[in-house]
Amino acid sequence: MMSATIRFATTDDVDQITQLLVANSAAKGGALYGSYSTAKVSGWLQRTSPTVVAIVEGQVVAVLFSASRDAVSAAPVRAMLQAYPGQPDAWIYGPVCIDASQRGKQLLSALVKELKTAMNGREGLLFINENNPRSIRAHQRLGMPVVAEFTLEQQRFVVMTA
């Protein structure tokens, strides 16, 4: 089995990250909330908050984004912060996406460990659609508790802390 390289994303990764996100989006039958374009992903990578990727055989197979609270204005993030504001210096965790062929291989744990180290122990805030119990369980296995819930566009989400 080929092991993954965990590293911070660069602008050279934009196309592969975008392809991964689109392939796993709700529009394509996946569980990832939102829509993704090369321009959007490029903008995210230009933020000062780190993005972590897992690389296997030269391909991005997993990604975990982060953002400062003031860098994100998307409706789900605003709803999450209203349901649970977290610590004043908390950061926004996600989205996270792991290629279906790589799930169950401890990549989530490796991505989270790298990002939490970069965030110096500050609280991370994330939301997951209740229709994605596998992701909720995976995050709970890493010790992330559910701290709140919210509804947006008739969908229920849980709020967790990293």
N, C-alpha and C. Protein backbone atom coordinates (compact mmCIF):
# COMPACT_ATOMS: atom_id res chain seq x y z
N MET A 1 0.84 -1.18 0.00
CA MET A 1 0.00 0.00 0.00
C MET A 1 0.89 1.25 0.00
N MET A 2 0.58 2.19 -0.88
CA MET A 2 1.32 3.45 -0.97
C MET A 2 0.87 4.38 0.16
N SER A 3 1.84 4.94 0.88
CA SER A 3 1.46 5.86 1.95
C SER A 3 1.33 7.28 1.38
N ALA A 4 0.59 8.08 2.07
CA ALA A 4 0.33 9.44 1.63
C ALA A 4 1.34 10.40 2.21
N THR A 5 1.63 11.44 1.46
CA THR A 5 2.43 12.57 1.93
C THR A 5 1.45 13.66 2.36
N ILE A 6 1.59 14.12 3.60
CA ILE A 6 0.74 15.18 4.12
C ILE A 6 1.56 16.47 4.09
N ARG A 7 1.01 17.50 3.45
CA ARG A 7 1.73 18.78 3.35
C ARG A 7 0.73 19.92 3.17
N PHE A 8 1.24 21.14 3.28
CA PHE A 8 0.41 22.31 3.03
C PHE A 8 0.21 22.45 1.53
N ALA A 9 -0.99 22.84 1.14
CA ALA A 9 -1.32 23.01 -0.27
C ALA A 9 -0.63 24.24 -0.84
N THR A 10 -0.39 24.19 -2.14
CA THR A 10 0.15 25.33 -2.87
C THR A 10 -0.79 25.64 -4.04
N THR A 11 -0.54 26.74 -4.71
CA THR A 11 -1.37 27.09 -5.86
C THR A 11 -1.24 26.06 -6.98
N ASP A 12 -0.16 25.30 -7.00
CA ASP A 12 -0.02 24.24 -8.01
C ASP A 12 -1.05 23.13 -7.81
N ASP A 13 -1.67 23.06 -6.64
CA ASP A 13 -2.64 22.02 -6.33
C ASP A 13 -4.08 22.39 -6.69
N VAL A 14 -4.31 23.62 -7.15
CA VAL A 14 -5.68 24.13 -7.35
C VAL A 14 -6.52 23.20 -8.21
N ASP A 15 -6.02 22.82 -9.38
CA ASP A 15 -6.84 22.00 -10.29
C ASP A 15 -7.20 20.66 -9.69
N GLN A 16 -6.24 19.99 -9.07
CA GLN A 16 -6.52 18.68 -8.47
C GLN A 16 -7.49 18.80 -7.29
N ILE A 17 -7.32 19.82 -6.47
CA ILE A 17 -8.24 20.03 -5.34
C ILE A 17 -9.64 20.28 -5.85
N THR A 18 -9.76 21.15 -6.87
CA THR A 18 -11.07 21.45 -7.44
C THR A 18 -11.73 20.19 -7.97
N GLN A 19 -10.99 19.38 -8.70
CA GLN A 19 -11.53 18.13 -9.24
C GLN A 19 -12.03 17.21 -8.12
N LEU A 20 -11.27 17.12 -7.04
CA LEU A 20 -11.66 16.29 -5.90
C LEU A 20 -12.95 16.80 -5.27
N LEU A 21 -13.04 18.10 -5.05
CA LEU A 21 -14.23 18.69 -4.44
C LEU A 21 -15.46 18.52 -5.33
N VAL A 22 -15.33 18.80 -6.60
CA VAL A 22 -16.46 18.68 -7.53
C VAL A 22 -16.94 17.23 -7.58
N ALA A 23 -16.02 16.28 -7.65
CA ALA A 23 -16.39 14.87 -7.73
C ALA A 23 -17.16 14.40 -6.50
N ASN A 24 -16.96 15.06 -5.37
CA ASN A 24 -17.60 14.64 -4.12
C ASN A 24 -18.70 15.61 -3.67
N SER A 25 -19.08 16.54 -4.53
CA SER A 25 -20.12 17.51 -4.18
C SER A 25 -21.50 16.88 -4.23
N ALA A 26 -22.43 17.50 -3.54
CA ALA A 26 -23.81 17.01 -3.52
C ALA A 26 -24.38 16.98 -4.94
N ALA A 27 -23.97 17.91 -5.80
CA ALA A 27 -24.45 17.94 -7.17
C ALA A 27 -24.05 16.69 -7.95
N LYS A 28 -22.98 16.04 -7.53
CA LYS A 28 -22.51 14.81 -8.18
C LYS A 28 -22.86 13.56 -7.37
N GLY A 29 -23.75 13.72 -6.38
CA GLY A 29 -24.17 12.59 -5.57
C GLY A 29 -23.35 12.37 -4.31
N GLY A 30 -22.39 13.25 -4.05
CA GLY A 30 -21.57 13.14 -2.85
C GLY A 30 -22.21 13.86 -1.68
N ALA A 31 -21.48 13.93 -0.59
CA ALA A 31 -22.02 14.52 0.64
C ALA A 31 -21.46 15.91 0.91
N LEU A 32 -20.62 16.43 0.03
CA LEU A 32 -19.98 17.72 0.26
C LEU A 32 -20.93 18.85 -0.09
N TYR A 33 -21.21 19.70 0.89
CA TYR A 33 -22.14 20.82 0.73
C TYR A 33 -21.45 21.97 0.00
N GLY A 34 -22.10 22.55 -0.99
CA GLY A 34 -21.58 23.71 -1.69
C GLY A 34 -21.22 23.40 -3.13
N SER A 35 -20.79 24.45 -3.83
CA SER A 35 -20.32 24.30 -5.20
C SER A 35 -18.89 24.80 -5.26
N TYR A 36 -18.13 24.25 -6.20
CA TYR A 36 -16.69 24.51 -6.21
C TYR A 36 -16.22 24.81 -7.62
N SER A 37 -15.43 25.86 -7.75
CA SER A 37 -14.83 26.24 -9.02
C SER A 37 -13.34 26.45 -8.80
N THR A 38 -12.60 26.45 -9.89
CA THR A 38 -11.16 26.71 -9.80
C THR A 38 -10.91 28.07 -9.16
N ALA A 39 -11.72 29.06 -9.54
CA ALA A 39 -11.54 30.41 -8.98
C ALA A 39 -11.79 30.42 -7.47
N LYS A 40 -12.84 29.72 -7.02
CA LYS A 40 -13.15 29.67 -5.58
C LYS A 40 -12.01 28.99 -4.83
N VAL A 41 -11.56 27.83 -5.31
CA VAL A 41 -10.48 27.10 -4.63
C VAL A 41 -9.20 27.93 -4.64
N SER A 42 -8.90 28.58 -5.74
CA SER A 42 -7.71 29.43 -5.82
C SER A 42 -7.79 30.54 -4.77
N GLY A 43 -8.96 31.15 -4.63
CA GLY A 43 -9.14 32.18 -3.62
C GLY A 43 -8.91 31.65 -2.21
N TRP A 44 -9.43 30.46 -1.96
CA TRP A 44 -9.24 29.86 -0.64
C TRP A 44 -7.77 29.63 -0.35
N LEU A 45 -7.02 29.17 -1.35
CA LEU A 45 -5.60 28.89 -1.13
C LEU A 45 -4.79 30.16 -0.95
N GLN A 46 -5.31 31.29 -1.36
CA GLN A 46 -4.58 32.55 -1.20
C GLN A 46 -4.81 33.18 0.17
N ARG A 47 -5.74 32.62 0.96
CA ARG A 47 -5.95 33.12 2.31
C ARG A 47 -4.71 32.81 3.16
N THR A 48 -4.59 33.52 4.26
CA THR A 48 -3.42 33.30 5.12
C THR A 48 -3.54 32.04 5.96
N SER A 49 -4.74 31.50 6.11
CA SER A 49 -4.96 30.30 6.91
C SER A 49 -4.59 29.07 6.08
N PRO A 50 -3.91 28.09 6.68
CA PRO A 50 -3.40 26.97 5.90
C PRO A 50 -4.46 25.99 5.39
N THR A 51 -4.12 25.35 4.28
CA THR A 51 -4.87 24.23 3.72
C THR A 51 -3.91 23.06 3.66
N VAL A 52 -4.39 21.89 4.08
CA VAL A 52 -3.55 20.70 4.13
C VAL A 52 -4.06 19.70 3.09
N VAL A 53 -3.13 19.04 2.39
CA VAL A 53 -3.50 18.02 1.42
C VAL A 53 -2.77 16.72 1.71
N ALA A 54 -3.35 15.64 1.21
CA ALA A 54 -2.69 14.33 1.20
C ALA A 54 -2.44 13.98 -0.25
N ILE A 55 -1.21 13.57 -0.54
CA ILE A 55 -0.79 13.24 -1.90
C ILE A 55 -0.42 11.76 -1.96
N VAL A 56 -0.98 11.05 -2.93
CA VAL A 56 -0.62 9.65 -3.19
C VAL A 56 -0.30 9.53 -4.67
N GLU A 57 0.88 9.06 -4.97
CA GLU A 57 1.33 8.89 -6.35
C GLU A 57 1.12 10.16 -7.18
N GLY A 58 1.45 11.30 -6.60
CA GLY A 58 1.38 12.57 -7.31
C GLY A 58 0.00 13.18 -7.42
N GLN A 59 -1.01 12.56 -6.84
CA GLN A 59 -2.38 13.05 -6.92
C GLN A 59 -2.87 13.52 -5.56
N VAL A 60 -3.60 14.65 -5.53
CA VAL A 60 -4.26 15.10 -4.31
C VAL A 60 -5.44 14.16 -4.08
N VAL A 61 -5.42 13.45 -2.95
CA VAL A 61 -6.49 12.50 -2.62
C VAL A 61 -7.32 12.96 -1.43
N ALA A 62 -6.87 14.03 -0.77
CA ALA A 62 -7.60 14.55 0.38
C ALA A 62 -7.18 16.00 0.61
N VAL A 63 -8.14 16.77 1.12
CA VAL A 63 -7.86 18.18 1.40
C VAL A 63 -8.65 18.60 2.64
N LEU A 64 -8.04 19.46 3.44
CA LEU A 64 -8.70 20.06 4.60
C LEU A 64 -8.35 21.55 4.60
N PHE A 65 -9.38 22.37 4.44
CA PHE A 65 -9.22 23.81 4.43
C PHE A 65 -9.38 24.36 5.84
N SER A 66 -8.85 25.57 6.05
CA SER A 66 -9.13 26.33 7.26
C SER A 66 -9.27 27.79 6.85
N ALA A 67 -9.88 28.55 7.72
CA ALA A 67 -10.05 29.98 7.46
C ALA A 67 -10.20 30.70 8.79
N SER A 68 -9.84 31.97 8.77
CA SER A 68 -10.13 32.80 9.93
C SER A 68 -11.61 33.16 9.87
N ARG A 69 -12.18 33.45 11.01
CA ARG A 69 -13.62 33.78 11.06
C ARG A 69 -13.99 34.93 10.14
N ASP A 70 -13.14 35.94 10.08
CA ASP A 70 -13.47 37.12 9.28
C ASP A 70 -13.27 36.92 7.77
N ALA A 71 -12.69 35.79 7.37
CA ALA A 71 -12.45 35.53 5.95
C ALA A 71 -13.61 34.78 5.30
N VAL A 72 -14.61 34.38 6.08
CA VAL A 72 -15.69 33.54 5.55
C VAL A 72 -17.03 34.22 5.80
N SER A 73 -17.80 34.34 4.73
CA SER A 73 -19.12 34.96 4.87
C SER A 73 -20.24 34.04 4.35
N ALA A 74 -19.91 32.79 4.01
CA ALA A 74 -20.90 31.86 3.47
C ALA A 74 -22.02 31.62 4.48
N ALA A 75 -23.23 31.47 3.97
CA ALA A 75 -24.41 31.30 4.83
C ALA A 75 -24.26 30.17 5.84
N PRO A 76 -23.75 28.99 5.46
CA PRO A 76 -23.63 27.94 6.48
C PRO A 76 -22.68 28.29 7.62
N VAL A 77 -21.61 29.01 7.29
CA VAL A 77 -20.66 29.40 8.34
C VAL A 77 -21.30 30.43 9.26
N ARG A 78 -22.02 31.39 8.70
CA ARG A 78 -22.72 32.37 9.54
C ARG A 78 -23.73 31.67 10.45
N ALA A 79 -24.47 30.69 9.91
CA ALA A 79 -25.45 29.96 10.72
C ALA A 79 -24.75 29.16 11.81
N MET A 80 -23.61 28.56 11.50
CA MET A 80 -22.85 27.80 12.49
C MET A 80 -22.41 28.72 13.62
N LEU A 81 -21.87 29.88 13.27
CA LEU A 81 -21.37 30.81 14.30
C LEU A 81 -22.50 31.38 15.14
N GLN A 82 -23.68 31.47 14.58
CA GLN A 82 -24.83 31.91 15.37
C GLN A 82 -25.24 30.81 16.35
N ALA A 83 -25.18 29.55 15.90
CA ALA A 83 -25.54 28.43 16.77
C ALA A 83 -24.48 28.19 17.85
N TYR A 84 -23.22 28.40 17.49
CA TYR A 84 -22.12 28.19 18.44
C TYR A 84 -20.96 29.12 18.03
N PRO A 85 -20.79 30.24 18.72
CA PRO A 85 -19.75 31.20 18.32
C PRO A 85 -18.33 30.76 18.63
N GLY A 86 -18.16 29.84 19.57
CA GLY A 86 -16.82 29.37 19.90
C GLY A 86 -15.97 30.44 20.57
N GLN A 87 -14.70 30.12 20.74
CA GLN A 87 -13.75 31.04 21.36
C GLN A 87 -13.48 32.22 20.43
N PRO A 88 -13.11 33.37 20.97
CA PRO A 88 -12.85 34.55 20.11
C PRO A 88 -11.79 34.31 19.04
N ASP A 89 -10.79 33.46 19.33
CA ASP A 89 -9.73 33.21 18.35
C ASP A 89 -9.94 31.91 17.57
N ALA A 90 -11.15 31.35 17.63
CA ALA A 90 -11.44 30.09 16.92
C ALA A 90 -11.31 30.29 15.41
N TRP A 91 -10.95 29.22 14.74
CA TRP A 91 -10.82 29.23 13.28
C TRP A 91 -11.88 28.31 12.68
N ILE A 92 -12.13 28.49 11.39
CA ILE A 92 -13.13 27.70 10.68
C ILE A 92 -12.44 26.51 10.03
N TYR A 93 -12.94 25.33 10.32
CA TYR A 93 -12.42 24.05 9.83
C TYR A 93 -13.28 23.63 8.64
N GLY A 94 -12.63 23.36 7.51
CA GLY A 94 -13.36 22.79 6.40
C GLY A 94 -13.54 23.74 5.24
N PRO A 95 -14.03 23.18 4.15
CA PRO A 95 -14.46 21.79 4.04
C PRO A 95 -13.28 20.83 4.03
N VAL A 96 -13.62 19.58 4.31
CA VAL A 96 -12.67 18.48 4.22
C VAL A 96 -13.23 17.49 3.21
N CYS A 97 -12.37 16.92 2.41
CA CYS A 97 -12.80 15.96 1.40
C CYS A 97 -11.72 14.92 1.20
N ILE A 98 -12.13 13.66 1.24
CA ILE A 98 -11.22 12.54 1.02
C ILE A 98 -11.79 11.70 -0.11
N ASP A 99 -10.96 11.41 -1.11
CA ASP A 99 -11.39 10.59 -2.23
C ASP A 99 -11.92 9.25 -1.71
N ALA A 100 -12.99 8.77 -2.33
CA ALA A 100 -13.64 7.53 -1.88
C ALA A 100 -12.65 6.37 -1.79
N SER A 101 -11.68 6.32 -2.68
CA SER A 101 -10.71 5.21 -2.68
C SER A 101 -9.73 5.28 -1.51
N GLN A 102 -9.70 6.42 -0.81
CA GLN A 102 -8.73 6.62 0.26
C GLN A 102 -9.37 6.68 1.65
N ARG A 103 -10.68 6.54 1.71
CA ARG A 103 -11.36 6.62 3.01
C ARG A 103 -11.03 5.39 3.85
N GLY A 104 -11.00 5.60 5.16
CA GLY A 104 -10.68 4.51 6.08
C GLY A 104 -9.20 4.24 6.20
N LYS A 105 -8.36 5.11 5.67
CA LYS A 105 -6.91 4.91 5.69
C LYS A 105 -6.20 5.90 6.61
N GLN A 106 -6.93 6.46 7.56
CA GLN A 106 -6.38 7.38 8.56
C GLN A 106 -5.94 8.73 8.00
N LEU A 107 -6.38 9.07 6.78
CA LEU A 107 -6.00 10.36 6.22
C LEU A 107 -6.63 11.52 6.97
N LEU A 108 -7.88 11.36 7.40
CA LEU A 108 -8.53 12.44 8.14
C LEU A 108 -7.71 12.76 9.39
N SER A 109 -7.33 11.75 10.12
CA SER A 109 -6.54 11.94 11.33
C SER A 109 -5.23 12.68 11.02
N ALA A 110 -4.56 12.30 9.96
CA ALA A 110 -3.29 12.93 9.59
C ALA A 110 -3.49 14.39 9.18
N LEU A 111 -4.54 14.66 8.40
CA LEU A 111 -4.82 16.03 7.99
C LEU A 111 -5.13 16.91 9.21
N VAL A 112 -5.99 16.40 10.08
CA VAL A 112 -6.39 17.16 11.27
C VAL A 112 -5.18 17.42 12.17
N LYS A 113 -4.36 16.42 12.38
CA LYS A 113 -3.17 16.59 13.23
C LYS A 113 -2.27 17.70 12.68
N GLU A 114 -2.04 17.68 11.39
CA GLU A 114 -1.17 18.71 10.76
C GLU A 114 -1.78 20.11 10.92
N LEU A 115 -3.08 20.20 10.69
CA LEU A 115 -3.74 21.51 10.76
C LEU A 115 -3.82 22.02 12.20
N LYS A 116 -4.17 21.14 13.13
CA LYS A 116 -4.25 21.57 14.53
C LYS A 116 -2.90 22.03 15.05
N THR A 117 -1.83 21.38 14.61
CA THR A 117 -0.49 21.82 15.00
C THR A 117 -0.23 23.22 14.47
N ALA A 118 -0.60 23.46 13.22
CA ALA A 118 -0.41 24.79 12.62
C ALA A 118 -1.24 25.86 13.33
N MET A 119 -2.36 25.46 13.92
CA MET A 119 -3.25 26.40 14.58
C MET A 119 -2.92 26.58 16.07
N ASN A 120 -1.84 26.00 16.52
CA ASN A 120 -1.33 26.21 17.88
C ASN A 120 -2.36 25.97 18.98
N GLY A 121 -3.19 24.94 18.83
CA GLY A 121 -4.12 24.57 19.88
C GLY A 121 -5.39 25.40 19.95
N ARG A 122 -5.56 26.35 19.03
CA ARG A 122 -6.80 27.13 19.02
C ARG A 122 -7.97 26.24 18.61
N GLU A 123 -9.17 26.63 19.04
CA GLU A 123 -10.38 25.87 18.74
C GLU A 123 -10.75 26.00 17.26
N GLY A 124 -11.07 24.87 16.65
CA GLY A 124 -11.58 24.85 15.28
C GLY A 124 -13.08 24.58 15.31
N LEU A 125 -13.83 25.23 14.44
CA LEU A 125 -15.29 25.07 14.39
C LEU A 125 -15.67 24.49 13.02
N LEU A 126 -16.50 23.47 13.03
CA LEU A 126 -16.93 22.85 11.79
C LEU A 126 -18.39 22.46 11.85
N PHE A 127 -18.98 22.32 10.66
CA PHE A 127 -20.35 21.83 10.58
C PHE A 127 -20.40 20.67 9.60
N ILE A 128 -21.31 19.73 9.87
CA ILE A 128 -21.50 18.56 9.01
C ILE A 128 -23.00 18.33 8.87
N ASN A 129 -23.43 18.08 7.66
CA ASN A 129 -24.83 17.77 7.40
C ASN A 129 -25.21 16.49 8.14
N GLU A 130 -26.36 16.50 8.81
CA GLU A 130 -26.81 15.29 9.52
C GLU A 130 -27.02 14.11 8.58
N ASN A 131 -27.15 14.37 7.28
CA ASN A 131 -27.29 13.30 6.30
C ASN A 131 -25.96 12.62 5.99
N ASN A 132 -24.91 13.01 6.69
CA ASN A 132 -23.58 12.44 6.49
C ASN A 132 -23.07 11.83 7.80
N PRO A 133 -23.76 10.78 8.28
CA PRO A 133 -23.37 10.21 9.57
C PRO A 133 -21.96 9.62 9.57
N ARG A 134 -21.48 9.18 8.41
CA ARG A 134 -20.12 8.62 8.35
C ARG A 134 -19.08 9.69 8.72
N SER A 135 -19.27 10.90 8.19
CA SER A 135 -18.34 11.99 8.52
C SER A 135 -18.47 12.39 9.99
N ILE A 136 -19.68 12.44 10.48
CA ILE A 136 -19.88 12.78 11.90
C ILE A 136 -19.16 11.77 12.78
N ARG A 137 -19.35 10.48 12.50
CA ARG A 137 -18.67 9.43 13.29
C ARG A 137 -17.15 9.52 13.17
N ALA A 138 -16.66 9.77 11.97
CA ALA A 138 -15.21 9.88 11.77
C ALA A 138 -14.62 11.01 12.60
N HIS A 139 -15.31 12.13 12.65
CA HIS A 139 -14.84 13.26 13.45
C HIS A 139 -14.97 12.98 14.95
N GLN A 140 -16.04 12.31 15.34
CA GLN A 140 -16.19 11.94 16.75
C GLN A 140 -15.09 10.98 17.19
N ARG A 141 -14.68 10.07 16.31
CA ARG A 141 -13.57 9.15 16.64
C ARG A 141 -12.27 9.91 16.90
N LEU A 142 -12.16 11.10 16.33
CA LEU A 142 -10.97 11.93 16.57
C LEU A 142 -11.13 12.80 17.80
N GLY A 143 -12.21 12.63 18.54
CA GLY A 143 -12.43 13.35 19.79
C GLY A 143 -13.14 14.68 19.63
N MET A 144 -13.78 14.89 18.49
CA MET A 144 -14.50 16.15 18.25
C MET A 144 -15.95 16.00 18.68
N PRO A 145 -16.38 16.77 19.68
CA PRO A 145 -17.76 16.66 20.16
C PRO A 145 -18.74 17.51 19.34
N VAL A 146 -19.99 17.06 19.32
CA VAL A 146 -21.07 17.87 18.78
C VAL A 146 -21.44 18.88 19.86
N VAL A 147 -21.42 20.17 19.51
CA VAL A 147 -21.68 21.23 20.50
C VAL A 147 -22.95 22.02 20.21
N ALA A 148 -23.50 21.88 19.01
CA ALA A 148 -24.72 22.61 18.64
C ALA A 148 -25.27 22.01 17.35
N GLU A 149 -26.45 22.50 16.96
CA GLU A 149 -27.08 22.12 15.70
C GLU A 149 -27.72 23.35 15.09
N PHE A 150 -27.92 23.33 13.78
CA PHE A 150 -28.66 24.40 13.11
C PHE A 150 -29.32 23.85 11.85
N THR A 151 -30.30 24.60 11.35
CA THR A 151 -31.00 24.24 10.12
C THR A 151 -30.77 25.36 9.12
N LEU A 152 -30.47 24.98 7.88
CA LEU A 152 -30.28 25.94 6.80
C LEU A 152 -30.84 25.31 5.53
N GLU A 153 -31.70 26.05 4.85
CA GLU A 153 -32.31 25.57 3.61
C GLU A 153 -32.93 24.18 3.81
N GLN A 154 -33.64 24.01 4.90
CA GLN A 154 -34.35 22.78 5.27
C GLN A 154 -33.42 21.59 5.46
N GLN A 155 -32.15 21.85 5.72
CA GLN A 155 -31.20 20.79 6.02
C GLN A 155 -30.66 21.00 7.43
N ARG A 156 -30.51 19.90 8.17
CA ARG A 156 -29.99 19.95 9.53
C ARG A 156 -28.49 19.70 9.52
N PHE A 157 -27.79 20.48 10.33
CA PHE A 157 -26.34 20.35 10.47
C PHE A 157 -25.98 20.25 11.93
N VAL A 158 -24.90 19.54 12.23
CA VAL A 158 -24.33 19.55 13.57
C VAL A 158 -23.08 20.43 13.54
N VAL A 159 -22.82 21.07 14.67
CA VAL A 159 -21.61 21.87 14.85
C VAL A 159 -20.70 21.07 15.77
N MET A 160 -19.43 20.98 15.39
CA MET A 160 -18.44 20.24 16.18
C MET A 160 -17.23 21.16 16.40
N THR A 161 -16.42 20.79 17.37
CA THR A 161 -15.19 21.53 17.61
C THR A 161 -13.99 20.62 17.43
N ALA A 162 -12.94 21.19 16.84
CA ALA A 162 -11.69 20.45 16.62
C ALA A 162 -10.64 20.92 17.60
